[in-house]
Amino acid sequence: MVNPDTAANQSNYSQSNTKSAVEVKATDLPIHCPVEGTSLWNSHPRVYIPVNENGGESKCPYCGTMFKLLSEK
């Protein structure tokens, strides 16, 4: 029997690190990687990304996805 949470049912999910950067708002903090909607088969353990609330960016140590905080104007 196929596990419904693996490759057989993952067509609606994105793959890890398909974007070079993910823009987040201060209201999204704390942010973690992988983000919601990432396929389970191509994932890594959840890790929280330390993004400074005063602006800044940080990379995921597993997949290299860059998280950039948008400035709120």
N, C-alpha and C. Protein backbone atom coordinates (compact mmCIF):
# COMPACT_ATOMS: atom_id res chain seq x y z
N MET A 1 0.84 -1.18 0.00
CA MET A 1 0.00 0.00 0.00
C MET A 1 0.88 1.24 0.00
N VAL A 2 0.51 2.22 -0.79
CA VAL A 2 1.27 3.46 -0.91
C VAL A 2 0.91 4.40 0.23
N ASN A 3 1.90 4.98 0.85
CA ASN A 3 1.68 5.98 1.90
C ASN A 3 1.14 7.26 1.25
N PRO A 4 -0.03 7.77 1.65
CA PRO A 4 -0.62 8.95 1.01
C PRO A 4 0.18 10.22 1.25
N ASP A 5 1.12 10.22 2.17
CA ASP A 5 1.92 11.41 2.46
C ASP A 5 3.27 11.41 1.75
N THR A 6 3.46 10.49 0.81
CA THR A 6 4.73 10.44 0.10
C THR A 6 4.53 10.77 -1.38
N ALA A 7 5.37 10.29 -2.22
CA ALA A 7 5.42 10.70 -3.62
C ALA A 7 4.13 10.51 -4.41
N ALA A 8 3.28 9.59 -4.03
CA ALA A 8 2.07 9.33 -4.80
C ALA A 8 1.08 10.50 -4.76
N ASN A 9 1.14 11.32 -3.73
CA ASN A 9 0.16 12.39 -3.57
C ASN A 9 0.84 13.75 -3.39
N GLN A 10 1.90 14.03 -4.12
CA GLN A 10 2.67 15.24 -3.91
C GLN A 10 2.62 16.22 -5.07
N SER A 11 1.71 16.04 -6.01
CA SER A 11 1.70 16.90 -7.20
C SER A 11 1.34 18.34 -6.90
N ASN A 12 0.67 18.62 -5.79
CA ASN A 12 0.28 19.98 -5.45
C ASN A 12 1.31 20.71 -4.60
N TYR A 13 2.44 20.08 -4.34
CA TYR A 13 3.45 20.68 -3.48
C TYR A 13 4.66 21.10 -4.28
N SER A 14 5.39 22.09 -3.76
CA SER A 14 6.61 22.53 -4.43
C SER A 14 7.78 21.71 -3.92
N GLN A 15 8.87 21.77 -4.65
CA GLN A 15 10.08 21.08 -4.23
C GLN A 15 10.95 22.03 -3.43
N SER A 16 11.77 21.50 -2.55
CA SER A 16 12.65 22.33 -1.74
C SER A 16 13.58 23.15 -2.61
N ASN A 17 13.80 24.38 -2.20
CA ASN A 17 14.76 25.28 -2.83
C ASN A 17 14.48 25.53 -4.30
N THR A 18 13.21 25.58 -4.72
CA THR A 18 12.90 25.91 -6.10
C THR A 18 12.97 27.41 -6.33
N LYS A 19 12.91 28.19 -5.28
CA LYS A 19 13.08 29.63 -5.35
C LYS A 19 14.43 29.97 -4.76
N SER A 20 15.09 30.99 -5.29
CA SER A 20 16.37 31.37 -4.72
C SER A 20 16.19 32.17 -3.45
N ALA A 21 15.02 32.84 -3.29
CA ALA A 21 14.77 33.62 -2.09
C ALA A 21 13.28 33.60 -1.76
N VAL A 22 12.99 33.62 -0.48
CA VAL A 22 11.61 33.69 0.00
C VAL A 22 11.49 35.00 0.76
N GLU A 23 10.55 35.85 0.35
CA GLU A 23 10.35 37.12 1.03
C GLU A 23 9.31 36.92 2.13
N VAL A 24 9.62 37.39 3.33
CA VAL A 24 8.73 37.25 4.47
C VAL A 24 8.47 38.62 5.10
N LYS A 25 7.35 38.73 5.79
CA LYS A 25 6.99 39.95 6.52
C LYS A 25 7.29 39.73 8.00
N ALA A 26 7.36 40.80 8.74
CA ALA A 26 7.61 40.71 10.18
C ALA A 26 6.50 39.91 10.86
N THR A 27 5.29 39.98 10.33
CA THR A 27 4.18 39.23 10.91
C THR A 27 4.30 37.73 10.67
N ASP A 28 5.16 37.31 9.72
CA ASP A 28 5.39 35.89 9.44
C ASP A 28 6.39 35.26 10.40
N LEU A 29 7.13 36.07 11.14
CA LEU A 29 8.16 35.56 12.04
C LEU A 29 7.55 34.90 13.26
N PRO A 30 8.12 33.86 13.82
CA PRO A 30 9.34 33.20 13.35
C PRO A 30 9.05 32.35 12.11
N ILE A 31 10.02 32.27 11.24
CA ILE A 31 9.89 31.53 9.98
C ILE A 31 10.71 30.24 10.08
N HIS A 32 10.25 29.22 9.41
CA HIS A 32 10.98 27.95 9.43
C HIS A 32 11.11 27.42 8.00
N CYS A 33 12.07 26.55 7.84
CA CYS A 33 12.29 25.88 6.56
C CYS A 33 12.31 24.39 6.85
N PRO A 34 11.70 23.57 6.06
CA PRO A 34 10.97 23.91 4.85
C PRO A 34 9.66 24.62 5.17
N VAL A 35 9.23 25.47 4.23
CA VAL A 35 7.99 26.22 4.42
C VAL A 35 6.80 25.33 4.14
N GLU A 36 5.62 25.78 4.54
CA GLU A 36 4.40 25.02 4.28
C GLU A 36 4.25 24.78 2.78
N GLY A 37 3.81 23.61 2.40
CA GLY A 37 3.60 23.29 1.00
C GLY A 37 4.77 22.63 0.32
N THR A 38 5.86 22.41 1.04
CA THR A 38 7.01 21.70 0.47
C THR A 38 6.73 20.21 0.50
N SER A 39 7.04 19.53 -0.60
CA SER A 39 6.77 18.09 -0.66
C SER A 39 7.57 17.34 0.39
N LEU A 40 6.95 16.32 0.94
CA LEU A 40 7.58 15.57 2.02
C LEU A 40 8.77 14.74 1.56
N TRP A 41 8.73 14.21 0.36
CA TRP A 41 9.81 13.33 -0.10
C TRP A 41 11.11 14.09 -0.33
N ASN A 42 11.03 15.40 -0.56
CA ASN A 42 12.22 16.18 -0.88
C ASN A 42 12.50 17.19 0.23
N SER A 43 12.21 16.81 1.45
CA SER A 43 12.28 17.74 2.56
C SER A 43 13.47 17.44 3.46
N HIS A 44 13.68 18.31 4.42
CA HIS A 44 14.70 18.12 5.44
C HIS A 44 14.08 18.44 6.79
N PRO A 45 14.77 18.17 7.88
CA PRO A 45 14.19 18.48 9.20
C PRO A 45 13.85 19.96 9.31
N ARG A 46 12.77 20.27 10.03
CA ARG A 46 12.37 21.66 10.22
C ARG A 46 13.41 22.40 11.05
N VAL A 47 13.80 23.56 10.56
CA VAL A 47 14.76 24.41 11.27
C VAL A 47 14.22 25.84 11.22
N TYR A 48 14.29 26.53 12.35
CA TYR A 48 13.85 27.92 12.38
C TYR A 48 14.98 28.82 11.91
N ILE A 49 14.62 29.80 11.08
CA ILE A 49 15.60 30.67 10.44
C ILE A 49 15.68 31.98 11.22
N PRO A 50 16.86 32.35 11.69
CA PRO A 50 17.01 33.59 12.47
C PRO A 50 17.09 34.82 11.55
N VAL A 51 15.94 35.46 11.33
CA VAL A 51 15.90 36.68 10.51
C VAL A 51 15.68 37.85 11.46
N ASN A 52 16.54 38.85 11.38
CA ASN A 52 16.45 40.03 12.23
C ASN A 52 15.20 40.82 11.89
N GLU A 53 14.42 41.21 12.89
CA GLU A 53 13.19 41.96 12.66
C GLU A 53 13.44 43.36 12.13
N ASN A 54 14.64 43.87 12.22
CA ASN A 54 14.96 45.21 11.72
C ASN A 54 15.43 45.17 10.27
N GLY A 55 15.18 44.10 9.60
CA GLY A 55 15.62 43.93 8.22
C GLY A 55 16.77 42.96 8.16
N GLY A 56 16.88 42.28 7.08
CA GLY A 56 17.98 41.35 6.95
C GLY A 56 17.57 40.10 6.20
N GLU A 57 18.52 39.20 6.13
CA GLU A 57 18.29 37.95 5.44
C GLU A 57 19.12 36.86 6.09
N SER A 58 18.69 35.63 5.84
CA SER A 58 19.38 34.48 6.41
C SER A 58 19.13 33.27 5.52
N LYS A 59 20.10 32.36 5.48
CA LYS A 59 19.99 31.14 4.66
C LYS A 59 19.67 29.93 5.50
N CYS A 60 18.92 29.02 4.90
CA CYS A 60 18.67 27.74 5.53
C CYS A 60 19.96 26.92 5.47
N PRO A 61 20.40 26.36 6.60
CA PRO A 61 21.64 25.58 6.59
C PRO A 61 21.53 24.25 5.85
N TYR A 62 20.31 23.76 5.62
CA TYR A 62 20.13 22.49 4.92
C TYR A 62 20.07 22.65 3.40
N CYS A 63 19.18 23.52 2.93
CA CYS A 63 18.94 23.58 1.48
C CYS A 63 19.44 24.88 0.83
N GLY A 64 19.82 25.86 1.63
CA GLY A 64 20.37 27.09 1.07
C GLY A 64 19.33 28.12 0.65
N THR A 65 18.06 27.88 0.92
CA THR A 65 17.03 28.86 0.58
C THR A 65 17.28 30.12 1.38
N MET A 66 17.26 31.27 0.68
CA MET A 66 17.47 32.56 1.32
C MET A 66 16.13 33.13 1.76
N PHE A 67 16.05 33.59 3.00
CA PHE A 67 14.85 34.23 3.53
C PHE A 67 15.17 35.71 3.72
N LYS A 68 14.38 36.58 3.07
CA LYS A 68 14.61 38.03 3.15
C LYS A 68 13.40 38.68 3.79
N LEU A 69 13.66 39.53 4.78
CA LEU A 69 12.58 40.25 5.45
C LEU A 69 12.25 41.50 4.65
N LEU A 70 10.97 41.64 4.30
CA LEU A 70 10.52 42.82 3.57
C LEU A 70 10.40 43.98 4.54
N SER A 71 10.80 45.16 4.09
CA SER A 71 10.62 46.35 4.93
C SER A 71 9.19 46.81 4.79
N GLU A 72 8.58 47.14 5.90
CA GLU A 72 7.19 47.59 5.90
C GLU A 72 7.16 49.11 5.88
N LYS A 73 6.66 49.65 4.79
CA LYS A 73 6.61 51.12 4.63
C LYS A 73 5.20 51.59 4.57
